[in-house]
N, C-alpha and C. Protein backbone atom coordinates (compact mmCIF):
# COMPACT_ATOMS: atom_id res chain seq x y z
N MET A 1 8.29 85.11 -12.45
CA MET A 1 8.50 86.43 -11.96
C MET A 1 10.06 86.67 -12.07
N GLU A 2 10.29 87.84 -12.64
CA GLU A 2 11.71 88.35 -12.78
C GLU A 2 12.32 88.61 -11.34
N SER A 3 13.61 88.85 -11.34
CA SER A 3 14.23 89.16 -10.06
C SER A 3 13.76 90.47 -9.48
N ALA A 4 13.25 90.47 -8.19
CA ALA A 4 12.77 91.65 -7.53
C ALA A 4 13.78 91.98 -6.48
N HIS A 5 13.59 93.23 -5.99
CA HIS A 5 14.61 93.62 -4.94
C HIS A 5 14.35 92.70 -3.71
N ARG A 6 15.49 92.36 -3.10
CA ARG A 6 15.37 91.37 -1.98
C ARG A 6 14.58 91.91 -0.80
N SER A 7 14.70 93.20 -0.49
CA SER A 7 13.92 93.72 0.63
C SER A 7 12.42 93.69 0.35
N ASP A 8 12.11 93.92 -0.91
CA ASP A 8 10.59 93.90 -1.33
C ASP A 8 10.12 92.45 -1.11
N LEU A 9 10.90 91.50 -1.61
CA LEU A 9 10.45 90.08 -1.52
C LEU A 9 10.30 89.74 0.00
N LYS A 10 11.34 90.18 0.81
CA LYS A 10 11.31 89.81 2.32
C LYS A 10 9.97 90.44 2.86
N LEU A 11 9.73 91.69 2.50
CA LEU A 11 8.54 92.37 3.12
C LEU A 11 7.24 91.61 2.60
N ALA A 12 7.16 91.19 1.36
CA ALA A 12 6.02 90.56 0.93
C ALA A 12 5.80 89.15 1.61
N LEU A 13 6.91 88.47 1.79
CA LEU A 13 6.92 87.21 2.49
C LEU A 13 6.55 87.36 3.91
N ALA A 14 7.05 88.40 4.63
CA ALA A 14 6.60 88.69 6.03
C ALA A 14 5.19 89.04 6.12
N ILE A 15 4.67 89.80 5.17
CA ILE A 15 3.15 90.09 5.13
C ILE A 15 2.34 88.80 5.01
N ALA A 16 2.77 87.91 4.06
CA ALA A 16 2.06 86.71 3.81
C ALA A 16 2.15 85.80 5.07
N VAL A 17 3.25 85.72 5.70
CA VAL A 17 3.41 84.86 6.93
C VAL A 17 2.56 85.45 8.05
N THR A 18 2.56 86.76 8.19
CA THR A 18 1.65 87.36 9.21
C THR A 18 0.14 87.07 8.88
N GLN A 19 -0.25 87.16 7.68
CA GLN A 19 -1.57 86.88 7.40
C GLN A 19 -1.92 85.41 7.61
N PHE A 20 -1.04 84.55 7.28
CA PHE A 20 -1.19 83.04 7.51
C PHE A 20 -1.25 82.78 8.95
N THR A 21 -0.57 83.48 9.85
CA THR A 21 -0.58 83.30 11.25
C THR A 21 -1.90 83.74 11.79
N ILE A 22 -2.36 84.93 11.24
CA ILE A 22 -3.68 85.44 11.68
C ILE A 22 -4.82 84.35 11.39
N VAL A 23 -4.71 83.76 10.19
CA VAL A 23 -5.60 82.74 9.78
C VAL A 23 -5.62 81.60 10.70
N LEU A 24 -4.48 81.08 11.12
CA LEU A 24 -4.42 79.93 11.97
C LEU A 24 -4.97 80.25 13.35
N LEU A 25 -4.57 81.42 13.90
CA LEU A 25 -5.10 81.85 15.16
C LEU A 25 -6.63 82.02 15.22
N LEU A 26 -7.12 82.62 14.21
CA LEU A 26 -8.62 82.77 14.11
C LEU A 26 -9.30 81.42 13.91
N ALA A 27 -8.66 80.55 13.18
CA ALA A 27 -9.27 79.15 12.93
C ALA A 27 -9.38 78.47 14.31
N ILE A 28 -8.43 78.64 15.12
CA ILE A 28 -8.37 77.98 16.38
C ILE A 28 -9.46 78.61 17.27
N LEU A 29 -9.63 79.99 17.21
CA LEU A 29 -10.60 80.65 18.02
C LEU A 29 -12.02 80.32 17.54
N PHE A 30 -12.31 80.33 16.23
CA PHE A 30 -13.61 80.11 15.74
C PHE A 30 -14.01 78.65 15.68
N VAL A 31 -13.13 77.69 15.88
CA VAL A 31 -13.56 76.35 15.94
C VAL A 31 -14.37 76.04 17.20
N LEU A 32 -14.23 76.96 18.20
CA LEU A 32 -15.06 76.87 19.38
C LEU A 32 -16.51 77.18 19.12
N PHE A 33 -16.76 78.07 18.07
CA PHE A 33 -18.05 78.50 17.81
C PHE A 33 -18.73 77.51 16.64
N GLU A 34 -19.84 77.91 16.19
CA GLU A 34 -20.40 77.01 15.13
C GLU A 34 -19.60 77.00 13.89
N THR A 35 -19.84 76.01 12.99
CA THR A 35 -19.05 75.73 11.91
C THR A 35 -19.28 76.88 10.84
N SER A 36 -20.44 77.43 10.75
CA SER A 36 -20.62 78.48 9.73
C SER A 36 -19.77 79.77 10.06
N MET A 37 -19.55 80.04 11.30
CA MET A 37 -18.67 81.07 11.67
C MET A 37 -17.24 80.71 11.29
N LEU A 38 -16.88 79.54 11.46
CA LEU A 38 -15.48 79.12 11.11
C LEU A 38 -15.33 79.16 9.60
N SER A 39 -16.30 78.80 8.85
CA SER A 39 -16.16 78.74 7.38
C SER A 39 -16.15 80.27 6.90
N ALA A 40 -16.99 81.12 7.51
CA ALA A 40 -16.97 82.52 7.22
C ALA A 40 -15.57 83.13 7.43
N ALA A 41 -15.08 82.88 8.61
CA ALA A 41 -13.77 83.44 9.05
C ALA A 41 -12.65 82.90 8.11
N LEU A 42 -12.59 81.64 7.80
CA LEU A 42 -11.61 81.16 6.95
C LEU A 42 -11.76 81.62 5.55
N MET A 43 -13.01 81.90 5.09
CA MET A 43 -13.11 82.41 3.72
C MET A 43 -12.68 83.88 3.71
N GLY A 44 -12.97 84.65 4.66
CA GLY A 44 -12.47 86.07 4.81
C GLY A 44 -10.98 86.12 4.79
N ALA A 45 -10.37 85.23 5.51
CA ALA A 45 -8.88 85.16 5.52
C ALA A 45 -8.34 84.69 4.17
N LEU A 46 -8.97 83.78 3.61
CA LEU A 46 -8.49 83.31 2.28
C LEU A 46 -8.61 84.34 1.25
N ILE A 47 -9.69 85.13 1.25
CA ILE A 47 -9.87 86.22 0.30
C ILE A 47 -8.78 87.21 0.48
N GLY A 48 -8.49 87.62 1.79
CA GLY A 48 -7.43 88.60 2.02
C GLY A 48 -6.08 88.05 1.54
N LEU A 49 -5.79 86.81 1.89
CA LEU A 49 -4.53 86.26 1.50
C LEU A 49 -4.35 86.14 -0.04
N VAL A 50 -5.30 85.70 -0.72
CA VAL A 50 -5.20 85.57 -2.20
C VAL A 50 -5.17 86.95 -2.86
N ALA A 51 -5.87 87.92 -2.36
CA ALA A 51 -5.84 89.33 -2.96
C ALA A 51 -4.44 89.91 -2.75
N SER A 52 -3.94 89.73 -1.54
CA SER A 52 -2.58 90.24 -1.18
C SER A 52 -1.47 89.57 -2.05
N SER A 53 -1.65 88.27 -2.27
CA SER A 53 -0.66 87.57 -3.03
C SER A 53 -0.73 88.06 -4.57
N CYS A 54 -1.86 88.33 -5.05
CA CYS A 54 -2.09 88.73 -6.39
C CYS A 54 -1.41 90.22 -6.44
N PHE A 55 -1.58 91.06 -5.50
CA PHE A 55 -0.96 92.34 -5.58
C PHE A 55 0.56 92.21 -5.49
N ALA A 56 1.07 91.36 -4.72
CA ALA A 56 2.54 91.15 -4.59
C ALA A 56 3.13 90.65 -5.84
N LEU A 57 2.51 89.60 -6.43
CA LEU A 57 2.99 89.06 -7.73
C LEU A 57 3.03 90.12 -8.86
N ILE A 58 2.01 90.83 -8.98
CA ILE A 58 1.95 91.84 -10.00
C ILE A 58 2.93 92.99 -9.81
N SER A 59 2.92 93.54 -8.53
CA SER A 59 3.75 94.74 -8.32
C SER A 59 5.21 94.45 -8.19
N LEU A 60 5.64 93.19 -7.80
CA LEU A 60 7.05 92.89 -7.67
C LEU A 60 7.61 92.01 -8.78
N ARG A 61 6.92 92.12 -9.97
CA ARG A 61 7.41 91.22 -11.07
C ARG A 61 8.65 91.68 -11.76
N CYS A 62 9.02 92.96 -11.53
CA CYS A 62 10.11 93.51 -12.32
C CYS A 62 11.33 93.71 -11.24
N GLY A 63 12.50 93.77 -11.83
CA GLY A 63 13.67 93.97 -10.93
C GLY A 63 13.86 95.42 -10.51
N THR A 64 15.01 95.69 -10.01
CA THR A 64 15.29 97.04 -9.49
C THR A 64 15.67 97.99 -10.46
N ASP A 65 15.98 97.58 -11.69
CA ASP A 65 16.39 98.57 -12.75
C ASP A 65 15.23 99.03 -13.62
N ARG A 66 14.17 99.48 -12.97
CA ARG A 66 13.00 100.02 -13.66
C ARG A 66 12.76 101.40 -13.38
N SER A 67 12.16 102.06 -14.32
CA SER A 67 11.84 103.45 -14.17
C SER A 67 10.69 103.70 -13.15
N ALA A 68 10.55 104.93 -12.69
CA ALA A 68 9.58 105.23 -11.77
C ALA A 68 8.18 105.10 -12.32
N GLY A 69 8.03 105.33 -13.67
CA GLY A 69 6.73 105.12 -14.28
C GLY A 69 6.37 103.72 -14.28
N LYS A 70 7.37 102.78 -14.51
CA LYS A 70 7.07 101.35 -14.51
C LYS A 70 6.66 100.94 -13.17
N VAL A 71 7.36 101.40 -12.12
CA VAL A 71 6.97 100.98 -10.77
C VAL A 71 5.61 101.42 -10.44
N LEU A 72 5.28 102.74 -10.78
CA LEU A 72 3.89 103.14 -10.51
C LEU A 72 2.89 102.37 -11.27
N LEU A 73 3.20 102.15 -12.50
CA LEU A 73 2.17 101.31 -13.31
C LEU A 73 1.99 99.88 -12.76
N ASP A 74 3.08 99.29 -12.25
CA ASP A 74 2.87 97.92 -11.63
C ASP A 74 2.12 98.07 -10.36
N LEU A 75 2.28 99.13 -9.59
CA LEU A 75 1.52 99.24 -8.39
C LEU A 75 0.00 99.46 -8.64
N TYR A 76 -0.31 100.28 -9.67
CA TYR A 76 -1.68 100.45 -10.12
C TYR A 76 -2.28 99.13 -10.60
N LEU A 77 -1.53 98.43 -11.40
CA LEU A 77 -2.06 97.09 -11.97
C LEU A 77 -2.22 96.11 -10.77
N GLY A 78 -1.28 96.15 -9.85
CA GLY A 78 -1.40 95.22 -8.65
C GLY A 78 -2.73 95.60 -7.92
N GLN A 79 -3.00 96.93 -7.70
CA GLN A 79 -4.19 97.25 -6.96
C GLN A 79 -5.40 96.84 -7.66
N ILE A 80 -5.43 97.06 -9.05
CA ILE A 80 -6.65 96.76 -9.82
C ILE A 80 -6.87 95.19 -9.75
N GLY A 81 -5.75 94.37 -9.87
CA GLY A 81 -5.84 92.97 -9.80
C GLY A 81 -6.37 92.54 -8.41
N LYS A 82 -5.80 93.18 -7.38
CA LYS A 82 -6.33 92.84 -6.03
C LYS A 82 -7.80 93.13 -5.87
N TRP A 83 -8.31 94.25 -6.39
CA TRP A 83 -9.69 94.56 -6.14
C TRP A 83 -10.56 93.68 -7.06
N ILE A 84 -10.13 93.21 -8.17
CA ILE A 84 -10.85 92.27 -9.02
C ILE A 84 -11.00 90.98 -8.33
N VAL A 85 -9.92 90.54 -7.67
CA VAL A 85 -9.92 89.29 -6.94
C VAL A 85 -10.89 89.38 -5.71
N ILE A 86 -10.85 90.51 -5.04
CA ILE A 86 -11.71 90.69 -3.90
C ILE A 86 -13.26 90.63 -4.30
N VAL A 87 -13.54 91.36 -5.33
CA VAL A 87 -14.92 91.48 -5.79
C VAL A 87 -15.42 90.08 -6.19
N ILE A 88 -14.59 89.37 -7.09
CA ILE A 88 -15.09 88.04 -7.61
C ILE A 88 -15.19 87.04 -6.43
N THR A 89 -14.21 86.99 -5.57
CA THR A 89 -14.27 86.05 -4.46
C THR A 89 -15.33 86.36 -3.38
N MET A 90 -15.57 87.61 -3.13
CA MET A 90 -16.74 88.06 -2.23
C MET A 90 -18.05 87.60 -2.90
N VAL A 91 -18.23 87.87 -4.19
CA VAL A 91 -19.53 87.51 -4.82
C VAL A 91 -19.69 85.93 -4.80
N ALA A 92 -18.60 85.27 -5.15
CA ALA A 92 -18.68 83.84 -5.05
C ALA A 92 -18.87 83.29 -3.72
N THR A 93 -18.39 83.92 -2.69
CA THR A 93 -18.56 83.44 -1.28
C THR A 93 -20.05 83.68 -0.85
N PHE A 94 -20.59 84.81 -1.22
CA PHE A 94 -22.00 85.03 -0.83
C PHE A 94 -23.01 84.19 -1.62
N LYS A 95 -22.54 83.74 -2.83
CA LYS A 95 -23.41 82.95 -3.62
C LYS A 95 -23.36 81.48 -3.34
N TYR A 96 -22.16 80.97 -3.05
CA TYR A 96 -21.94 79.52 -2.91
C TYR A 96 -21.63 79.03 -1.50
N LEU A 97 -21.42 79.95 -0.49
CA LEU A 97 -21.12 79.48 0.82
C LEU A 97 -22.41 79.57 1.68
N PRO A 98 -23.08 78.51 2.05
CA PRO A 98 -24.34 78.59 2.75
C PRO A 98 -24.15 79.23 4.03
N GLY A 99 -25.17 80.09 4.40
CA GLY A 99 -25.18 80.59 5.77
C GLY A 99 -24.26 81.79 6.06
N VAL A 100 -23.49 82.24 5.06
CA VAL A 100 -22.53 83.29 5.31
C VAL A 100 -23.33 84.63 5.47
N ASP A 101 -24.39 84.72 4.94
CA ASP A 101 -25.15 86.03 5.01
C ASP A 101 -26.17 86.00 6.12
N GLN A 102 -26.01 85.06 7.16
CA GLN A 102 -26.96 85.00 8.19
C GLN A 102 -26.24 85.33 9.57
N GLY A 103 -26.89 86.09 10.41
CA GLY A 103 -26.40 86.33 11.71
C GLY A 103 -25.09 87.09 11.75
N LEU A 104 -24.25 86.71 12.54
CA LEU A 104 -22.92 87.37 12.72
C LEU A 104 -21.91 86.95 11.71
N ASN A 105 -22.28 85.97 10.91
CA ASN A 105 -21.26 85.45 9.89
C ASN A 105 -20.75 86.52 8.94
N ILE A 106 -21.53 87.40 8.51
CA ILE A 106 -21.05 88.39 7.56
C ILE A 106 -20.06 89.38 8.28
N LEU A 107 -20.32 89.68 9.47
CA LEU A 107 -19.40 90.49 10.24
C LEU A 107 -18.11 89.75 10.49
N VAL A 108 -18.11 88.43 10.72
CA VAL A 108 -16.96 87.60 10.88
C VAL A 108 -16.15 87.58 9.60
N LEU A 109 -16.85 87.36 8.41
CA LEU A 109 -16.17 87.36 7.19
C LEU A 109 -15.51 88.69 6.97
N LEU A 110 -16.23 89.80 7.04
CA LEU A 110 -15.53 91.05 6.69
C LEU A 110 -14.50 91.51 7.78
N GLY A 111 -14.75 91.14 9.04
CA GLY A 111 -13.74 91.56 10.05
C GLY A 111 -12.45 90.78 9.90
N VAL A 112 -12.54 89.44 9.55
CA VAL A 112 -11.28 88.70 9.37
C VAL A 112 -10.60 89.13 8.10
N PHE A 113 -11.36 89.44 6.99
CA PHE A 113 -10.80 90.08 5.82
C PHE A 113 -9.97 91.32 6.10
N LEU A 114 -10.60 92.20 6.88
CA LEU A 114 -9.98 93.51 7.22
C LEU A 114 -8.74 93.29 8.17
N LEU A 115 -8.86 92.25 9.02
CA LEU A 115 -7.76 91.91 9.87
C LEU A 115 -6.55 91.48 9.13
N THR A 116 -6.76 90.66 8.14
CA THR A 116 -5.61 90.12 7.27
C THR A 116 -5.02 91.27 6.51
N GLN A 117 -5.84 92.29 6.10
CA GLN A 117 -5.47 93.39 5.38
C GLN A 117 -4.55 94.41 6.33
N SER A 118 -4.78 94.27 7.59
CA SER A 118 -4.10 95.14 8.48
C SER A 118 -2.64 94.83 8.61
N ALA A 119 -2.28 93.64 8.06
CA ALA A 119 -0.82 93.26 8.11
C ALA A 119 0.01 94.23 7.35
N TYR A 120 -0.69 94.94 6.28
CA TYR A 120 0.05 95.89 5.53
C TYR A 120 0.44 97.14 6.38
N ILE A 121 -0.24 97.32 7.47
CA ILE A 121 0.02 98.45 8.40
C ILE A 121 1.05 98.07 9.43
N ILE A 122 0.96 96.91 9.90
CA ILE A 122 1.79 96.42 11.06
C ILE A 122 3.16 95.93 10.59
N VAL A 123 3.27 95.11 9.50
CA VAL A 123 4.47 94.38 9.22
C VAL A 123 5.61 95.36 8.80
N PRO A 124 5.29 96.33 7.88
CA PRO A 124 6.47 97.17 7.45
C PRO A 124 7.25 97.88 8.56
N GLY A 125 6.53 98.31 9.57
CA GLY A 125 7.08 98.89 10.74
C GLY A 125 8.02 97.87 11.48
N VAL A 126 7.49 96.69 11.69
CA VAL A 126 8.26 95.66 12.40
C VAL A 126 9.47 95.24 11.59
N VAL A 127 9.35 95.06 10.26
CA VAL A 127 10.47 94.64 9.42
C VAL A 127 11.51 95.74 9.43
N GLN A 128 11.10 97.01 9.39
CA GLN A 128 12.12 98.16 9.34
C GLN A 128 12.74 98.16 10.71
N LYS A 129 12.08 97.95 11.79
CA LYS A 129 12.70 97.94 13.15
C LYS A 129 13.69 96.82 13.27
N CYS A 130 13.36 95.66 12.71
CA CYS A 130 14.36 94.44 12.80
C CYS A 130 15.57 94.76 11.98
N VAL A 131 15.43 95.51 10.82
CA VAL A 131 16.49 95.65 9.89
C VAL A 131 17.51 96.70 10.48
N THR A 132 16.86 97.73 11.19
CA THR A 132 17.79 98.75 11.77
C THR A 132 18.50 98.31 13.00
N GLN A 133 18.11 97.20 13.63
CA GLN A 133 18.75 96.79 14.82
C GLN A 133 19.98 95.94 14.54
């Protein structure tokens, strides 16, 4: 990866750390339930984390001296890569993870996935608030 703008990298790192924290907290919570719920929750979190990392790596690969068209192209490519990762890992999860499509497990998988994606909404405001103080 070429040099990216420092604030972009800090934001990407903050989002990844927040998603990882969500994963740990949910793992502790779901360990109290059955193991299929735990594996569904961990898989949903892993899918969210890998997809977000793919987006960050693609969209932040260039430095600050790039044109607006290049920035926009990298954002589009990042989103496309993210959705490809999501679709492939979701299909693989439903195919190879036993019991994920039974009972509440599917809701746990999708709920945890969406919760990890909510870091994109929460973290930028928190980081901006910390920077201005």
